[in-house]
C-alpha atoms as a PDB file:
ATOM      1  CA  UNK A   1     -90.097   4.608   6.437  1.00  0.00           C
ATOM      2  CA  UNK A   2     -89.378   8.292   5.956  1.00  0.00           C
ATOM      3  CA  UNK A   3     -86.215   8.989   3.945  1.00  0.00           C
ATOM      4  CA  UNK A   4     -83.763  11.388   5.551  1.00  0.00           C
ATOM      5  CA  UNK A   5     -80.970  13.618   4.317  1.00  0.00           C
ATOM      6  CA  UNK A   6     -78.370  10.884   4.815  1.00  0.00           C
ATOM      7  CA  UNK A   7     -80.357   8.637   2.469  1.00  0.00           C
ATOM      8  CA  UNK A   8     -80.576  11.254  -0.304  1.00  0.00           C
ATOM      9  CA  UNK A   9     -76.920  12.288   0.037  1.00  0.00           C
ATOM     10  CA  UNK A  10     -75.921   8.646  -0.453  1.00  0.00           C
ATOM     11  CA  UNK A  11     -77.687   8.428  -3.833  1.00  0.00           C
ATOM     12  CA  UNK A  12     -75.595   8.717  -7.008  1.00  0.00           C
ATOM     13  CA  UNK A  13     -77.137  11.698  -8.789  1.00  0.00           C
ATOM     14  CA  UNK A  14     -75.652  12.439 -12.224  1.00  0.00           C
ATOM     15  CA  UNK A  15     -73.464  15.548 -12.134  1.00  0.00           C
ATOM     16  CA  UNK A  16     -72.904  17.812 -15.149  1.00  0.00           C
ATOM     17  CA  UNK A  17     -69.822  20.034 -15.198  1.00  0.00           C
ATOM     18  CA  UNK A  18     -69.104  22.543 -17.962  1.00  0.00           C
ATOM     19  CA  UNK A  19     -66.184  24.918 -18.491  1.00  0.00           C
ATOM     20  CA  UNK A  20     -66.476  28.246 -20.279  1.00  0.00           C
ATOM     21  CA  UNK A  21     -63.650  30.782 -20.524  1.00  0.00           C
ATOM     22  CA  UNK A  22     -62.020  29.678 -17.272  1.00  0.00           C
ATOM     23  CA  UNK A  23     -65.241  29.529 -15.250  1.00  0.00           C
ATOM     24  CA  UNK A  24     -66.899  26.282 -14.253  1.00  0.00           C
ATOM     25  CA  UNK A  25     -70.562  25.419 -13.905  1.00  0.00           C
ATOM     26  CA  UNK A  26     -71.852  22.305 -12.124  1.00  0.00           C
ATOM     27  CA  UNK A  27     -75.396  21.045 -11.669  1.00  0.00           C
ATOM     28  CA  UNK A  28     -77.399  18.010 -10.654  1.00  0.00           C
ATOM     29  CA  UNK A  29     -80.059  17.912 -13.415  1.00  0.00           C
ATOM     30  CA  UNK A  30     -82.311  15.587 -11.401  1.00  0.00           C
ATOM     31  CA  UNK A  31     -82.429  18.188  -8.596  1.00  0.00           C
ATOM     32  CA  UNK A  32     -83.943  21.140 -10.447  1.00  0.00           C
ATOM     33  CA  UNK A  33     -82.048  24.319  -9.629  1.00  0.00           C
ATOM     34  CA  UNK A  34     -79.219  22.599  -7.735  1.00  0.00           C
ATOM     35  CA  UNK A  35     -76.159  24.211  -9.284  1.00  0.00           C
ATOM     36  CA  UNK A  36     -73.073  26.290  -8.623  1.00  0.00           C
ATOM     37  CA  UNK A  37     -70.354  28.187 -10.456  1.00  0.00           C
ATOM     38  CA  UNK A  38     -66.692  28.678  -9.671  1.00  0.00           C
ATOM     39  CA  UNK A  39     -63.227  29.506 -10.970  1.00  0.00           C
ATOM     40  CA  UNK A  40     -61.692  26.028 -10.626  1.00  0.00           C
ATOM     41  CA  UNK A  41     -62.707  22.401 -10.541  1.00  0.00           C
ATOM     42  CA  UNK A  42     -61.673  22.076  -6.906  1.00  0.00           C
ATOM     43  CA  UNK A  43     -63.768  25.126  -6.023  1.00  0.00           C
ATOM     44  CA  UNK A  44     -66.930  23.794  -7.660  1.00  0.00           C
ATOM     45  CA  UNK A  45     -66.269  20.288  -6.353  1.00  0.00           C
ATOM     46  CA  UNK A  46     -66.789  21.478  -2.788  1.00  0.00           C
ATOM     47  CA  UNK A  47     -69.447  24.042  -3.681  1.00  0.00           C
ATOM     48  CA  UNK A  48     -71.660  21.530  -5.498  1.00  0.00           C
ATOM     49  CA  UNK A  49     -71.562  19.178  -2.494  1.00  0.00           C
ATOM     50  CA  UNK A  50     -72.713  22.071  -0.296  1.00  0.00           C
ATOM     51  CA  UNK A  51     -75.388  23.043  -2.835  1.00  0.00           C
ATOM     52  CA  UNK A  52     -76.690  19.457  -2.973  1.00  0.00           C
ATOM     53  CA  UNK A  53     -76.926  19.239   0.812  1.00  0.00           C
ATOM     54  CA  UNK A  54     -78.643  22.635   1.081  1.00  0.00           C
ATOM     55  CA  UNK A  55     -81.052  21.733  -1.749  1.00  0.00           C
ATOM     56  CA  UNK A  56     -82.041  18.462  -0.076  1.00  0.00           C
ATOM     57  CA  UNK A  57     -82.324  20.026   3.404  1.00  0.00           C
ATOM     58  CA  UNK A  58     -84.567  22.777   2.021  1.00  0.00           C
ATOM     59  CA  UNK A  59     -86.739  20.266   0.177  1.00  0.00           C
ATOM     60  CA  UNK A  60     -87.152  18.134   3.315  1.00  0.00           C
ATOM     61  CA  UNK A  61     -87.969  21.190   5.476  1.00  0.00           C
ATOM     62  CA  UNK A  62     -90.585  22.365   2.970  1.00  0.00           C
ATOM     63  CA  UNK A  63     -92.069  18.917   2.237  1.00  0.00           C
ATOM     64  CA  UNK A  64     -90.992  19.126  -1.404  1.00  0.00           C
ATOM     65  CA  UNK A  65     -90.788  15.798  -3.191  1.00  0.00           C
ATOM     66  CA  UNK A  66     -87.165  14.857  -3.831  1.00  0.00           C
ATOM     67  CA  UNK A  67     -86.676  12.879  -7.030  1.00  0.00           C
ATOM     68  CA  UNK A  68     -84.387   9.885  -6.984  1.00  0.00           C
ATOM     69  CA  UNK A  69     -81.682   9.682  -9.664  1.00  0.00           C
ATOM     70  CA  UNK A  70     -82.788   8.487 -13.059  1.00  0.00           C
ATOM     71  CA  UNK A  71     -81.213   5.316 -14.345  1.00  0.00           C
ATOM     72  CA  UNK A  72     -81.086   3.632 -17.737  1.00  0.00           C
ATOM     73  CA  UNK A  73     -83.916   1.389 -16.507  1.00  0.00           C
ATOM     74  CA  UNK A  74     -86.179   4.459 -16.551  1.00  0.00           C
ATOM     75  CA  UNK A  75     -85.893   4.598 -20.345  1.00  0.00           C
ATOM     76  CA  UNK A  76     -87.183   2.147 -22.957  1.00  0.00           C
ATOM     77  CA  UNK A  77     -84.703   3.001 -25.706  1.00  0.00           C
ATOM     78  CA  UNK A  78     -87.572   3.810 -28.029  1.00  0.00           C
ATOM     79  CA  UNK A  79     -89.340   7.025 -29.035  1.00  0.00           C
ATOM     80  CA  UNK A  80     -91.459   8.245 -31.943  1.00  0.00           C
ATOM     81  CA  UNK A  81     -90.633  11.372 -33.854  1.00  0.00           C
ATOM     82  CA  UNK A  82     -92.587  13.352 -36.431  1.00  0.00           C
ATOM     83  CA  UNK A  83     -90.652  15.052 -39.221  1.00  0.00           C
ATOM     84  CA  UNK A  84     -91.290  16.747 -42.524  1.00  0.00           C
ATOM     85  CA  UNK A  85     -91.830  14.347 -45.410  1.00  0.00           C
ATOM     86  CA  UNK A  86     -88.823  15.794 -47.239  1.00  0.00           C
ATOM     87  CA  UNK A  87     -86.525  15.010 -44.293  1.00  0.00           C
ATOM     88  CA  UNK A  88     -87.991  11.513 -44.006  1.00  0.00           C
ATOM     89  CA  UNK A  89     -87.267  10.894 -47.696  1.00  0.00           C
ATOM     90  CA  UNK A  90     -83.737  12.300 -47.428  1.00  0.00           C
ATOM     91  CA  UNK A  91     -82.903  10.147 -44.388  1.00  0.00           C
ATOM     92  CA  UNK A  92     -84.404   7.091 -46.062  1.00  0.00           C
ATOM     93  CA  UNK A  93     -82.374   7.680 -49.235  1.00  0.00           C
ATOM     94  CA  UNK A  94     -79.149   8.205 -47.262  1.00  0.00           C
ATOM     95  CA  UNK A  95     -79.741   5.040 -45.231  1.00  0.00           C
ATOM     96  CA  UNK A  96     -80.392   3.048 -48.400  1.00  0.00           C
ATOM     97  CA  UNK A  97     -77.131   4.362 -49.913  1.00  0.00           C
ATOM     98  CA  UNK A  98     -75.292   3.200 -46.780  1.00  0.00           C
ATOM     99  CA  UNK A  99     -76.989  -0.215 -46.944  1.00  0.00           C
ATOM    100  CA  UNK A 100     -78.550   0.070 -43.486  1.00  0.00           C
ATOM    101  CA  UNK A 101     -82.021   0.653 -42.080  1.00  0.00           C
ATOM    102  CA  UNK A 102     -83.232   4.186 -41.527  1.00  0.00           C
ATOM    103  CA  UNK A 103     -83.413   3.423 -37.796  1.00  0.00           C
ATOM    104  CA  UNK A 104     -79.731   2.428 -37.733  1.00  0.00           C
ATOM    105  CA  UNK A 105     -78.812   5.475 -39.812  1.00  0.00           C
ATOM    106  CA  UNK A 106     -80.667   7.847 -37.449  1.00  0.00           C
ATOM    107  CA  UNK A 107     -78.971   6.272 -34.418  1.00  0.00           C
ATOM    108  CA  UNK A 108     -75.613   6.766 -36.157  1.00  0.00           C
ATOM    109  CA  UNK A 109     -76.387  10.452 -36.850  1.00  0.00           C
ATOM    110  CA  UNK A 110     -77.640  11.095 -33.309  1.00  0.00           C
ATOM    111  CA  UNK A 111     -74.574   9.397 -31.817  1.00  0.00           C
ATOM    112  CA  UNK A 112     -72.220  11.502 -33.952  1.00  0.00           C
ATOM    113  CA  UNK A 113     -74.029  14.704 -33.003  1.00  0.00           C
ATOM    114  CA  UNK A 114     -74.022  13.823 -29.303  1.00  0.00           C
ATOM    115  CA  UNK A 115     -70.320  12.937 -29.386  1.00  0.00           C
ATOM    116  CA  UNK A 116     -69.561  16.245 -31.109  1.00  0.00           C
ATOM    117  CA  UNK A 117     -71.637  18.118 -28.487  1.00  0.00           C
ATOM    118  CA  UNK A 118     -69.830  16.383 -25.619  1.00  0.00           C
ATOM    119  CA  UNK A 119     -66.455  17.223 -27.153  1.00  0.00           C
ATOM    120  CA  UNK A 120     -67.434  20.892 -27.544  1.00  0.00           C
ATOM    121  CA  UNK A 121     -68.530  21.109 -23.879  1.00  0.00           C
ATOM    122  CA  UNK A 122     -65.342  19.593 -22.428  1.00  0.00           C
END
């Protein structure tokens, strides 16, 4: 069965909205290049719907593969990271001082940094 525009418009794509000095930016990260800007939330709310529809219509017309939204099931929750030995030692020492594993300590640090980033972009 060939998927049509109605199918893709019904999918719940994650939407990112950012505000900067009174201007708003909205994008669907899963639909590369599908974005808009505006002067108010109501303005970008309508504009991003139009942009999504135009993006999908253009992709269908040009036989471009349309990705489906990513979900938490697409991720394992695990990744490997290489770091300098000095950083590894420092993180290990800090985790030991806190009485937790280095893995738990790194998750704590990443969560704090992500929370701070989300608060800055609101």
